[in-house]
N, C-alpha and C. Protein backbone atom coordinates (compact mmCIF):
# COMPACT_ATOMS: atom_id res chain seq x y z
N MET A 1 0.83 -1.18 0.00
CA MET A 1 0.00 0.00 0.00
C MET A 1 0.88 1.25 0.00
N ALA A 2 0.34 2.31 -0.50
CA ALA A 2 1.07 3.57 -0.59
C ALA A 2 0.86 4.38 0.68
N ASP A 3 1.86 5.17 1.00
CA ASP A 3 1.74 6.07 2.15
C ASP A 3 0.96 7.31 1.74
N ILE A 4 0.07 7.76 2.57
CA ILE A 4 -0.71 8.96 2.30
C ILE A 4 0.00 10.14 2.94
N LEU A 5 0.31 11.14 2.14
CA LEU A 5 1.02 12.33 2.61
C LEU A 5 0.04 13.46 2.85
N PRO A 6 0.09 14.08 4.02
CA PRO A 6 -0.79 15.24 4.26
C PRO A 6 -0.20 16.49 3.60
N PHE A 7 -1.04 17.24 2.91
CA PHE A 7 -0.61 18.49 2.29
C PHE A 7 -1.18 19.66 3.06
N LYS A 8 -0.35 20.67 3.28
CA LYS A 8 -0.80 21.86 3.97
C LYS A 8 -1.29 22.88 2.95
N LYS A 9 -2.36 23.55 3.29
CA LYS A 9 -2.90 24.60 2.45
C LYS A 9 -2.00 25.83 2.61
N PRO A 10 -1.55 26.47 1.52
CA PRO A 10 -0.68 27.63 1.66
C PRO A 10 -1.39 28.80 2.34
N ALA A 11 -0.66 29.50 3.18
CA ALA A 11 -1.22 30.64 3.90
C ALA A 11 -1.48 31.79 2.93
N VAL A 12 -2.59 32.47 3.09
CA VAL A 12 -2.94 33.61 2.25
C VAL A 12 -2.31 34.85 2.86
N THR A 13 -1.45 35.49 2.09
CA THR A 13 -0.82 36.73 2.54
C THR A 13 -1.50 37.91 1.87
N ARG A 14 -1.21 39.07 2.36
CA ARG A 14 -1.84 40.27 1.81
C ARG A 14 -1.46 40.50 0.35
N ASP A 15 -0.18 40.32 0.01
CA ASP A 15 0.27 40.54 -1.36
C ASP A 15 -0.39 39.56 -2.31
N ARG A 16 -0.49 38.32 -1.88
CA ARG A 16 -1.08 37.31 -2.75
C ARG A 16 -2.56 37.60 -2.99
N ARG A 17 -3.26 38.05 -1.98
CA ARG A 17 -4.68 38.37 -2.13
C ARG A 17 -4.86 39.55 -3.08
N GLY A 18 -3.98 40.55 -2.97
CA GLY A 18 -4.08 41.71 -3.84
C GLY A 18 -3.91 41.36 -5.29
N HIS A 19 -2.96 40.48 -5.59
CA HIS A 19 -2.75 40.09 -6.97
C HIS A 19 -3.92 39.27 -7.49
N THR A 20 -4.54 38.48 -6.62
CA THR A 20 -5.71 37.72 -7.03
C THR A 20 -6.85 38.66 -7.38
N LEU A 21 -7.06 39.69 -6.58
CA LEU A 21 -8.11 40.66 -6.87
C LEU A 21 -7.85 41.38 -8.19
N CYS A 22 -6.60 41.78 -8.40
CA CYS A 22 -6.26 42.50 -9.63
C CYS A 22 -6.41 41.62 -10.86
N ARG A 23 -6.07 40.35 -10.75
CA ARG A 23 -6.23 39.45 -11.88
C ARG A 23 -7.68 39.31 -12.28
N GLN A 24 -8.59 39.47 -11.34
CA GLN A 24 -10.00 39.36 -11.64
C GLN A 24 -10.63 40.70 -12.00
N GLY A 25 -9.81 41.76 -12.10
CA GLY A 25 -10.30 43.06 -12.54
C GLY A 25 -10.73 44.01 -11.44
N HIS A 26 -10.45 43.67 -10.19
CA HIS A 26 -10.82 44.54 -9.06
C HIS A 26 -9.59 45.32 -8.60
N HIS A 27 -9.22 46.32 -9.39
CA HIS A 27 -8.05 47.13 -9.06
C HIS A 27 -8.41 48.18 -8.01
N LYS A 28 -7.39 48.67 -7.34
CA LYS A 28 -7.55 49.74 -6.35
C LYS A 28 -6.92 51.00 -6.97
N TRP A 29 -7.71 51.74 -7.76
CA TRP A 29 -7.19 52.87 -8.52
C TRP A 29 -6.96 54.08 -7.63
N MET A 30 -5.77 54.68 -7.77
CA MET A 30 -5.41 55.91 -7.07
C MET A 30 -4.87 56.88 -8.12
N ILE A 31 -5.22 58.14 -8.02
CA ILE A 31 -4.82 59.14 -9.01
C ILE A 31 -3.39 59.59 -8.74
N VAL A 32 -2.59 59.63 -9.83
CA VAL A 32 -1.20 60.10 -9.76
C VAL A 32 -1.21 61.58 -10.13
N THR A 33 -0.77 62.43 -9.22
CA THR A 33 -0.86 63.87 -9.46
C THR A 33 0.41 64.43 -10.11
N ALA A 34 1.44 63.63 -10.28
CA ALA A 34 2.68 64.13 -10.87
C ALA A 34 2.54 64.40 -12.37
N GLN A 35 1.71 63.63 -13.06
CA GLN A 35 1.54 63.81 -14.50
C GLN A 35 0.14 64.36 -14.77
N ARG A 36 0.06 65.60 -15.24
CA ARG A 36 -1.24 66.23 -15.49
C ARG A 36 -1.43 66.58 -16.97
N PHE A 37 -0.34 66.62 -17.75
CA PHE A 37 -0.44 67.11 -19.13
C PHE A 37 0.32 66.17 -20.05
N ASP A 38 -0.30 65.73 -21.13
CA ASP A 38 0.34 64.86 -22.11
C ASP A 38 0.90 65.73 -23.22
N VAL A 39 2.21 65.70 -23.41
CA VAL A 39 2.86 66.56 -24.37
C VAL A 39 2.55 66.12 -25.81
N LYS A 40 2.50 64.81 -26.05
CA LYS A 40 2.27 64.32 -27.41
C LYS A 40 0.87 64.64 -27.92
N GLN A 41 -0.14 64.48 -27.06
CA GLN A 41 -1.51 64.76 -27.47
C GLN A 41 -1.90 66.22 -27.25
N GLY A 42 -1.20 66.91 -26.37
CA GLY A 42 -1.51 68.30 -26.08
C GLY A 42 -2.78 68.45 -25.28
N LYS A 43 -3.08 67.49 -24.42
CA LYS A 43 -4.32 67.51 -23.65
C LYS A 43 -4.03 67.25 -22.17
N LEU A 44 -4.99 67.66 -21.36
CA LEU A 44 -4.93 67.31 -19.95
C LEU A 44 -5.32 65.85 -19.80
N VAL A 45 -4.62 65.14 -18.91
CA VAL A 45 -4.91 63.73 -18.70
C VAL A 45 -5.01 63.44 -17.21
N THR A 46 -5.71 62.36 -16.88
CA THR A 46 -5.78 61.85 -15.53
C THR A 46 -5.12 60.48 -15.54
N VAL A 47 -4.01 60.34 -14.80
CA VAL A 47 -3.29 59.08 -14.73
C VAL A 47 -3.68 58.40 -13.43
N SER A 48 -4.18 57.17 -13.52
CA SER A 48 -4.55 56.38 -12.36
C SER A 48 -3.63 55.17 -12.28
N GLU A 49 -3.23 54.82 -11.06
CA GLU A 49 -2.34 53.68 -10.85
C GLU A 49 -2.93 52.78 -9.78
N CYS A 50 -2.86 51.48 -10.00
CA CYS A 50 -3.38 50.52 -9.03
C CYS A 50 -2.41 50.45 -7.84
N GLY A 51 -2.95 50.54 -6.63
CA GLY A 51 -2.13 50.50 -5.43
C GLY A 51 -1.59 49.12 -5.12
N ARG A 52 -2.18 48.08 -5.70
CA ARG A 52 -1.74 46.71 -5.42
C ARG A 52 -0.71 46.21 -6.43
N CYS A 53 -1.04 46.31 -7.72
CA CYS A 53 -0.18 45.69 -8.73
C CYS A 53 0.65 46.71 -9.53
N GLY A 54 0.29 47.99 -9.50
CA GLY A 54 1.08 48.99 -10.20
C GLY A 54 0.64 49.25 -11.63
N LYS A 55 -0.45 48.66 -12.08
CA LYS A 55 -0.93 48.89 -13.44
C LYS A 55 -1.43 50.32 -13.55
N ARG A 56 -1.20 50.94 -14.75
CA ARG A 56 -1.60 52.32 -14.95
C ARG A 56 -2.64 52.42 -16.06
N LYS A 57 -3.54 53.40 -15.92
CA LYS A 57 -4.48 53.72 -16.99
C LYS A 57 -4.52 55.23 -17.13
N VAL A 58 -4.73 55.68 -18.37
CA VAL A 58 -4.73 57.11 -18.68
C VAL A 58 -6.07 57.48 -19.29
N GLN A 59 -6.68 58.54 -18.77
CA GLN A 59 -7.92 59.05 -19.30
C GLN A 59 -7.71 60.49 -19.73
N THR A 60 -8.13 60.84 -20.95
CA THR A 60 -8.02 62.21 -21.41
C THR A 60 -9.29 62.96 -21.06
N LEU A 61 -9.15 64.23 -20.80
CA LEU A 61 -10.30 65.06 -20.46
C LEU A 61 -10.83 65.80 -21.65
């Protein structure tokens, strides 16, 4: 007969939970105030960055 090995469930950490949320589209968007003007387009922009994973999105006004 084979020996049965017990497996431990990995502990959920804060970083791991954040990446799971971001992978499913639940980002924590925060506005970056350092960049307000896009030189190439010549327009005002709002740059948002996710506080968990660092992904950025840009919206023109």
